[in-house]
Amino acid sequence: MIGKIVSRIKRRLGCSRRENIFKILPKHSVCAELGVFRGDFSKLILRYAEPKEAHFVDVWWLAFGEYYPDWGSYTNHGKLKTRIVYAEAEAKIKAFPGKHVIHVGSDLEYLQTIPDQYFDWVYSHEYANTNIPGRNCNCCVRR
């Protein structure tokens, strides 16, 4: 459902790349990114949305252990260390001023600890995780 909404918005704005979503996101908001990996998209969130508070959630070593699985060159064929990737993401996020929280763990478990309507918007690399009616996010309804 959320995926279809985002696709419609992108078509109306003429957006073909996910980075163009920043044209419609409110600046100085409270947001979260679910699925951070190396923090490359996190950097874009911080640069363009300029959130007053941002939460970054990923499973890193909790799900994969010391090394990522072999996902081809993306993970150096299973030789990419999860803690090195976390350190990269942390450095990219900490390079920006503001209140930024990095959480190592399941995004769904983390969202359960956050009060309803806490976030102004949430970016998930898997839409299924944000499609929880009444939970945590105003990404489809403005206050």
N, C-alpha and C. Protein backbone atom coordinates (compact mmCIF):
# COMPACT_ATOMS: atom_id res chain seq x y z
N MET A 1 0.82 -1.19 0.00
CA MET A 1 0.00 0.00 0.00
C MET A 1 0.87 1.26 0.00
N ILE A 2 1.79 1.36 0.96
CA ILE A 2 2.67 2.52 1.04
C ILE A 2 3.50 2.63 -0.24
N GLY A 3 3.97 1.49 -0.74
CA GLY A 3 4.76 1.49 -1.97
C GLY A 3 3.99 2.09 -3.13
N LYS A 4 2.71 1.78 -3.24
CA LYS A 4 1.89 2.33 -4.30
C LYS A 4 1.71 3.84 -4.14
N ILE A 5 1.54 4.28 -2.90
CA ILE A 5 1.39 5.72 -2.64
C ILE A 5 2.66 6.46 -3.04
N VAL A 6 3.81 5.94 -2.61
CA VAL A 6 5.08 6.58 -2.95
C VAL A 6 5.28 6.60 -4.46
N SER A 7 4.95 5.51 -5.14
CA SER A 7 5.09 5.46 -6.60
C SER A 7 4.22 6.53 -7.27
N ARG A 8 2.99 6.69 -6.80
CA ARG A 8 2.11 7.72 -7.36
C ARG A 8 2.68 9.12 -7.15
N ILE A 9 3.18 9.37 -5.94
CA ILE A 9 3.76 10.68 -5.65
C ILE A 9 4.95 10.93 -6.56
N LYS A 10 5.80 9.93 -6.72
CA LYS A 10 6.98 10.08 -7.57
C LYS A 10 6.58 10.39 -9.01
N ARG A 11 5.56 9.69 -9.52
CA ARG A 11 5.11 9.94 -10.90
C ARG A 11 4.58 11.37 -11.04
N ARG A 12 3.80 11.82 -10.07
CA ARG A 12 3.24 13.18 -10.15
C ARG A 12 4.31 14.25 -10.10
N LEU A 13 5.37 13.99 -9.34
CA LEU A 13 6.45 14.97 -9.24
C LEU A 13 7.49 14.80 -10.33
N GLY A 14 7.35 13.77 -11.13
CA GLY A 14 8.34 13.50 -12.14
C GLY A 14 9.63 12.94 -11.56
N CYS A 15 9.52 12.28 -10.41
CA CYS A 15 10.69 11.73 -9.73
C CYS A 15 10.96 10.31 -10.22
N SER A 16 12.14 10.08 -10.67
CA SER A 16 12.49 8.73 -11.11
C SER A 16 13.48 8.07 -10.17
N ARG A 17 14.12 8.85 -9.32
CA ARG A 17 15.10 8.30 -8.37
C ARG A 17 14.60 8.52 -6.96
N ARG A 18 14.95 7.60 -6.05
CA ARG A 18 14.46 7.71 -4.67
C ARG A 18 14.97 8.97 -3.99
N GLU A 19 16.14 9.48 -4.39
CA GLU A 19 16.67 10.69 -3.78
C GLU A 19 15.75 11.90 -3.99
N ASN A 20 14.98 11.87 -5.06
CA ASN A 20 14.09 12.98 -5.35
C ASN A 20 12.92 13.09 -4.37
N ILE A 21 12.76 12.10 -3.52
CA ILE A 21 11.70 12.15 -2.53
C ILE A 21 11.90 13.35 -1.59
N PHE A 22 13.15 13.83 -1.48
CA PHE A 22 13.43 14.94 -0.59
C PHE A 22 12.76 16.23 -1.03
N LYS A 23 12.30 16.28 -2.26
CA LYS A 23 11.58 17.46 -2.74
C LYS A 23 10.25 17.66 -2.01
N ILE A 24 9.71 16.57 -1.46
CA ILE A 24 8.39 16.68 -0.82
C ILE A 24 8.41 16.48 0.69
N LEU A 25 9.54 16.09 1.25
CA LEU A 25 9.59 15.84 2.68
C LEU A 25 9.76 17.16 3.45
N PRO A 26 9.09 17.26 4.59
CA PRO A 26 9.22 18.49 5.38
C PRO A 26 10.59 18.56 6.03
N LYS A 27 11.20 19.73 5.97
CA LYS A 27 12.49 19.94 6.64
C LYS A 27 12.25 20.13 8.13
N HIS A 28 13.32 19.90 8.89
CA HIS A 28 13.32 20.10 10.34
C HIS A 28 12.25 19.26 11.02
N SER A 29 12.07 18.04 10.55
CA SER A 29 11.07 17.14 11.09
C SER A 29 11.73 16.05 11.94
N VAL A 30 10.91 15.17 12.49
CA VAL A 30 11.39 14.01 13.24
C VAL A 30 11.19 12.80 12.33
N CYS A 31 12.27 12.09 12.04
CA CYS A 31 12.18 11.03 11.04
C CYS A 31 12.99 9.81 11.45
N ALA A 32 12.83 8.76 10.65
CA ALA A 32 13.62 7.54 10.85
C ALA A 32 13.93 6.91 9.51
N GLU A 33 15.07 6.25 9.45
CA GLU A 33 15.41 5.42 8.30
C GLU A 33 15.54 3.99 8.81
N LEU A 34 14.79 3.10 8.19
CA LEU A 34 14.82 1.68 8.56
C LEU A 34 15.63 0.94 7.51
N GLY A 35 16.79 0.45 7.92
CA GLY A 35 17.71 -0.19 6.99
C GLY A 35 18.75 0.82 6.55
N VAL A 36 19.89 0.82 7.18
CA VAL A 36 20.90 1.85 6.99
C VAL A 36 22.10 1.36 6.19
N PHE A 37 22.53 0.13 6.42
CA PHE A 37 23.71 -0.47 5.83
C PHE A 37 24.91 0.47 6.02
N ARG A 38 25.46 1.05 4.99
CA ARG A 38 26.66 1.90 5.09
C ARG A 38 26.37 3.37 5.37
N GLY A 39 25.10 3.75 5.39
CA GLY A 39 24.75 5.12 5.70
C GLY A 39 24.77 6.09 4.54
N ASP A 40 24.84 5.58 3.32
CA ASP A 40 24.87 6.48 2.16
C ASP A 40 23.56 7.24 2.01
N PHE A 41 22.43 6.56 2.17
CA PHE A 41 21.14 7.24 2.07
C PHE A 41 20.89 8.08 3.32
N SER A 42 21.42 7.64 4.45
CA SER A 42 21.32 8.41 5.70
C SER A 42 21.92 9.80 5.51
N LYS A 43 23.06 9.85 4.84
CA LYS A 43 23.72 11.12 4.54
C LYS A 43 22.79 12.05 3.75
N LEU A 44 22.10 11.49 2.78
CA LEU A 44 21.18 12.29 1.97
C LEU A 44 20.01 12.80 2.80
N ILE A 45 19.51 11.95 3.68
CA ILE A 45 18.43 12.38 4.58
C ILE A 45 18.89 13.58 5.40
N LEU A 46 20.07 13.46 5.99
CA LEU A 46 20.58 14.52 6.84
C LEU A 46 20.90 15.79 6.06
N ARG A 47 21.42 15.64 4.86
CA ARG A 47 21.78 16.80 4.05
C ARG A 47 20.55 17.54 3.53
N TYR A 48 19.58 16.82 2.98
CA TYR A 48 18.47 17.47 2.30
C TYR A 48 17.25 17.71 3.17
N ALA A 49 16.95 16.81 4.08
CA ALA A 49 15.76 16.99 4.92
C ALA A 49 16.09 17.81 6.17
N GLU A 50 17.37 17.86 6.54
CA GLU A 50 17.80 18.61 7.71
C GLU A 50 16.89 18.37 8.92
N PRO A 51 16.71 17.09 9.29
CA PRO A 51 15.77 16.79 10.38
C PRO A 51 16.25 17.34 11.72
N LYS A 52 15.29 17.71 12.56
CA LYS A 52 15.67 18.16 13.91
C LYS A 52 16.00 16.95 14.78
N GLU A 53 15.47 15.79 14.39
CA GLU A 53 15.77 14.55 15.09
C GLU A 53 15.65 13.40 14.09
N ALA A 54 16.66 12.55 14.06
CA ALA A 54 16.65 11.42 13.11
C ALA A 54 17.09 10.15 13.82
N HIS A 55 16.38 9.07 13.50
CA HIS A 55 16.67 7.75 14.06
C HIS A 55 17.07 6.82 12.92
N PHE A 56 18.15 6.09 13.11
CA PHE A 56 18.68 5.20 12.09
C PHE A 56 18.75 3.79 12.67
N VAL A 57 18.08 2.85 12.00
CA VAL A 57 17.93 1.50 12.56
C VAL A 57 18.40 0.46 11.55
N ASP A 58 19.23 -0.47 12.01
CA ASP A 58 19.65 -1.61 11.17
C ASP A 58 20.06 -2.76 12.08
N VAL A 59 20.10 -3.95 11.53
CA VAL A 59 20.43 -5.14 12.31
C VAL A 59 21.92 -5.45 12.34
N TRP A 60 22.68 -4.95 11.40
CA TRP A 60 24.12 -5.16 11.28
C TRP A 60 24.50 -6.55 11.79
N TRP A 61 25.36 -6.65 12.83
CA TRP A 61 25.89 -7.94 13.29
C TRP A 61 24.86 -8.78 14.02
N LEU A 62 23.78 -8.20 14.52
CA LEU A 62 22.78 -9.00 15.23
C LEU A 62 22.12 -10.04 14.33
N ALA A 63 21.95 -9.70 13.08
CA ALA A 63 21.31 -10.64 12.15
C ALA A 63 22.32 -11.45 11.35
N PHE A 64 23.49 -10.88 11.11
CA PHE A 64 24.41 -11.51 10.17
C PHE A 64 25.70 -12.02 10.79
N GLY A 65 25.94 -11.70 12.07
CA GLY A 65 27.19 -12.12 12.68
C GLY A 65 28.35 -11.22 12.28
N GLU A 66 29.53 -11.78 12.23
CA GLU A 66 30.73 -10.98 11.94
C GLU A 66 30.79 -10.51 10.49
N TYR A 67 30.27 -11.32 9.56
CA TYR A 67 30.33 -11.00 8.12
C TYR A 67 28.93 -11.05 7.52
N TYR A 68 28.73 -10.20 6.51
CA TYR A 68 27.50 -10.28 5.73
C TYR A 68 27.53 -11.53 4.88
N PRO A 69 26.35 -12.05 4.50
CA PRO A 69 26.32 -13.18 3.57
C PRO A 69 26.89 -12.78 2.21
N ASP A 70 27.11 -13.73 1.37
CA ASP A 70 27.62 -13.47 0.03
C ASP A 70 26.48 -12.95 -0.84
N TRP A 71 26.40 -11.64 -0.96
CA TRP A 71 25.43 -10.99 -1.84
C TRP A 71 26.17 -10.43 -3.04
N GLY A 72 27.21 -11.10 -3.44
CA GLY A 72 28.00 -10.66 -4.58
C GLY A 72 28.93 -9.53 -4.18
N SER A 73 29.21 -8.66 -5.12
CA SER A 73 30.16 -7.57 -4.88
C SER A 73 29.66 -6.59 -3.83
N TYR A 74 28.35 -6.55 -3.62
CA TYR A 74 27.74 -5.65 -2.63
C TYR A 74 28.32 -5.90 -1.24
N THR A 75 28.63 -7.16 -0.94
CA THR A 75 29.21 -7.52 0.36
C THR A 75 30.59 -8.15 0.20
N ASN A 76 31.27 -7.80 -0.86
CA ASN A 76 32.59 -8.36 -1.14
C ASN A 76 32.57 -9.88 -1.06
N HIS A 77 31.51 -10.44 -1.62
CA HIS A 77 31.34 -11.89 -1.69
C HIS A 77 31.45 -12.57 -0.33
N GLY A 78 30.81 -11.96 0.69
CA GLY A 78 30.77 -12.55 2.02
C GLY A 78 31.97 -12.22 2.89
N LYS A 79 32.81 -11.30 2.46
CA LYS A 79 33.99 -10.93 3.24
C LYS A 79 33.85 -9.57 3.92
N LEU A 80 32.69 -8.93 3.78
CA LEU A 80 32.47 -7.61 4.35
C LEU A 80 32.05 -7.74 5.81
N LYS A 81 32.80 -7.11 6.71
CA LYS A 81 32.52 -7.19 8.15
C LYS A 81 31.40 -6.23 8.53
N THR A 82 30.46 -6.74 9.30
CA THR A 82 29.30 -5.94 9.71
C THR A 82 29.69 -4.76 10.59
N ARG A 83 30.66 -4.93 11.46
CA ARG A 83 31.06 -3.83 12.36
C ARG A 83 31.80 -2.73 11.60
N ILE A 84 32.46 -3.08 10.53
CA ILE A 84 33.11 -2.05 9.70
C ILE A 84 32.04 -1.22 8.99
N VAL A 85 31.02 -1.89 8.49
CA VAL A 85 29.92 -1.19 7.82
C VAL A 85 29.20 -0.28 8.82
N TYR A 86 28.98 -0.77 10.04
CA TYR A 86 28.36 0.06 11.08
C TYR A 86 29.21 1.30 11.35
N ALA A 87 30.51 1.12 11.48
CA ALA A 87 31.42 2.25 11.74
C ALA A 87 31.36 3.27 10.61
N GLU A 88 31.26 2.80 9.37
CA GLU A 88 31.11 3.72 8.22
C GLU A 88 29.83 4.53 8.36
N ALA A 89 28.72 3.84 8.65
CA ALA A 89 27.43 4.52 8.79
C ALA A 89 27.47 5.52 9.94
N GLU A 90 28.03 5.10 11.06
CA GLU A 90 28.12 5.97 12.23
C GLU A 90 28.91 7.24 11.92
N ALA A 91 30.03 7.09 11.24
CA ALA A 91 30.86 8.25 10.89
C ALA A 91 30.10 9.21 9.96
N LYS A 92 29.38 8.67 8.99
CA LYS A 92 28.61 9.52 8.06
C LYS A 92 27.52 10.27 8.80
N ILE A 93 26.84 9.59 9.72
CA ILE A 93 25.74 10.20 10.46
C ILE A 93 26.26 11.25 11.43
N LYS A 94 27.33 10.93 12.14
CA LYS A 94 27.88 11.85 13.14
C LYS A 94 28.53 13.08 12.51
N ALA A 95 28.78 13.05 11.22
CA ALA A 95 29.36 14.21 10.55
C ALA A 95 28.38 15.38 10.45
N PHE A 96 27.10 15.11 10.71
CA PHE A 96 26.06 16.13 10.64
C PHE A 96 25.64 16.54 12.05
N PRO A 97 25.41 17.84 12.26
CA PRO A 97 24.96 18.29 13.58
C PRO A 97 23.50 17.89 13.82
N GLY A 98 23.13 17.80 15.07
CA GLY A 98 21.75 17.51 15.41
C GLY A 98 21.60 16.27 16.27
N LYS A 99 20.37 15.99 16.63
CA LYS A 99 20.07 14.83 17.45
C LYS A 99 19.84 13.63 16.54
N HIS A 100 20.79 12.70 16.56
CA HIS A 100 20.71 11.51 15.72
C HIS A 100 20.89 10.28 16.60
N VAL A 101 19.98 9.34 16.50
CA VAL A 101 20.02 8.12 17.29
C VAL A 101 20.27 6.96 16.35
N ILE A 102 21.31 6.17 16.64
CA ILE A 102 21.59 4.96 15.86
C ILE A 102 21.20 3.77 16.72
N HIS A 103 20.36 2.91 16.18
CA HIS A 103 19.88 1.75 16.93
C HIS A 103 20.25 0.47 16.20
N VAL A 104 20.93 -0.41 16.90
CA VAL A 104 21.28 -1.72 16.33
C VAL A 104 20.21 -2.70 16.76
N GLY A 105 19.43 -3.18 15.81
CA GLY A 105 18.38 -4.13 16.12
C GLY A 105 17.31 -4.14 15.04
N SER A 106 16.31 -4.91 15.28
CA SER A 106 15.19 -5.06 14.36
C SER A 106 14.39 -3.76 14.29
N ASP A 107 14.10 -3.31 13.09
CA ASP A 107 13.31 -2.08 12.94
C ASP A 107 11.91 -2.26 13.52
N LEU A 108 11.31 -3.43 13.33
CA LEU A 108 9.96 -3.65 13.85
C LEU A 108 9.96 -3.64 15.38
N GLU A 109 10.96 -4.24 16.00
CA GLU A 109 11.05 -4.21 17.46
C GLU A 109 11.29 -2.79 17.95
N TYR A 110 12.14 -2.05 17.26
CA TYR A 110 12.43 -0.67 17.64
C TYR A 110 11.16 0.18 17.55
N LEU A 111 10.42 0.05 16.47
CA LEU A 111 9.21 0.85 16.29
C LEU A 111 8.19 0.58 17.40
N GLN A 112 8.19 -0.62 17.93
CA GLN A 112 7.25 -0.95 19.01
C GLN A 112 7.57 -0.17 20.29
N THR A 113 8.80 0.35 20.42
CA THR A 113 9.19 1.10 21.62
C THR A 113 8.92 2.60 21.48
N ILE A 114 8.51 3.03 20.31
CA ILE A 114 8.30 4.45 20.03
C ILE A 114 6.80 4.75 20.13
N PRO A 115 6.42 5.85 20.77
CA PRO A 115 4.99 6.18 20.87
C PRO A 115 4.35 6.41 19.49
N ASP A 116 3.07 6.11 19.40
CA ASP A 116 2.34 6.38 18.17
C ASP A 116 2.46 7.85 17.78
N GLN A 117 2.53 8.09 16.47
CA GLN A 117 2.59 9.43 15.89
C GLN A 117 3.85 10.20 16.28
N TYR A 118 4.90 9.50 16.69
CA TYR A 118 6.14 10.16 17.09
C TYR A 118 6.87 10.76 15.90
N PHE A 119 6.95 9.99 14.82
CA PHE A 119 7.69 10.44 13.63
C PHE A 119 6.79 11.23 12.69
N ASP A 120 7.39 12.24 12.06
CA ASP A 120 6.69 12.95 10.99
C ASP A 120 6.71 12.11 9.72
N TRP A 121 7.82 11.37 9.52
CA TRP A 121 7.92 10.47 8.38
C TRP A 121 8.99 9.42 8.65
N VAL A 122 8.84 8.29 7.94
CA VAL A 122 9.78 7.18 8.06
C VAL A 122 10.13 6.71 6.67
N TYR A 123 11.41 6.52 6.41
CA TYR A 123 11.84 5.93 5.14
C TYR A 123 12.29 4.51 5.44
N SER A 124 11.68 3.55 4.77
CA SER A 124 12.07 2.16 4.92
C SER A 124 12.48 1.63 3.56
N HIS A 125 13.52 0.87 3.56
CA HIS A 125 13.96 0.24 2.32
C HIS A 125 13.10 -0.97 1.99
N GLU A 126 12.19 -1.31 2.92
CA GLU A 126 11.18 -2.34 2.68
C GLU A 126 9.86 -1.77 3.15
N TYR A 127 8.97 -1.47 2.22
CA TYR A 127 7.72 -0.80 2.54
C TYR A 127 6.87 -1.55 3.55
N ALA A 128 6.97 -2.87 3.59
CA ALA A 128 6.13 -3.67 4.49
C ALA A 128 6.30 -3.24 5.94
N ASN A 129 7.48 -2.79 6.31
CA ASN A 129 7.74 -2.44 7.69
C ASN A 129 7.11 -1.12 8.12
N THR A 130 6.74 -0.27 7.21
CA THR A 130 6.09 0.99 7.59
C THR A 130 4.59 0.92 7.41
N ASN A 131 4.09 -0.14 6.84
CA ASN A 131 2.67 -0.26 6.57
C ASN A 131 1.95 -0.88 7.78
N ILE A 132 2.08 -0.23 8.93
CA ILE A 132 1.45 -0.69 10.16
C ILE A 132 0.45 0.38 10.56
N PRO A 133 -0.85 0.16 10.29
CA PRO A 133 -1.85 1.19 10.56
C PRO A 133 -1.78 1.71 11.99
N GLY A 134 -1.78 3.04 12.13
CA GLY A 134 -1.81 3.66 13.43
C GLY A 134 -0.49 3.66 14.18
N ARG A 135 0.59 3.23 13.54
CA ARG A 135 1.86 3.13 14.26
C ARG A 135 2.84 4.23 13.88
N ASN A 136 3.30 4.95 14.84
CA ASN A 136 4.55 5.71 14.84
C ASN A 136 4.75 6.81 13.80
N CYS A 137 4.01 6.85 12.73
CA CYS A 137 4.42 7.71 11.63
C CYS A 137 3.23 8.47 11.05
N ASN A 138 3.47 9.71 10.69
CA ASN A 138 2.49 10.52 9.99
C ASN A 138 2.88 10.69 8.54
N CYS A 139 3.57 9.70 7.97
CA CYS A 139 4.11 9.88 6.63
C CYS A 139 3.03 10.01 5.56
N CYS A 140 1.82 9.60 5.84
CA CYS A 140 0.76 9.71 4.85
C CYS A 140 -0.28 10.76 5.23
N VAL A 141 -0.26 11.20 6.46
CA VAL A 141 -1.24 12.18 6.93
C VAL A 141 -0.50 13.30 7.63
N ARG A 142 -0.74 14.52 7.21
CA ARG A 142 -0.12 15.67 7.85
C ARG A 142 -0.89 16.04 9.12
N ARG A 143 -0.19 16.50 10.14
CA ARG A 143 -0.85 16.93 11.38
C ARG A 143 -1.53 18.25 11.16
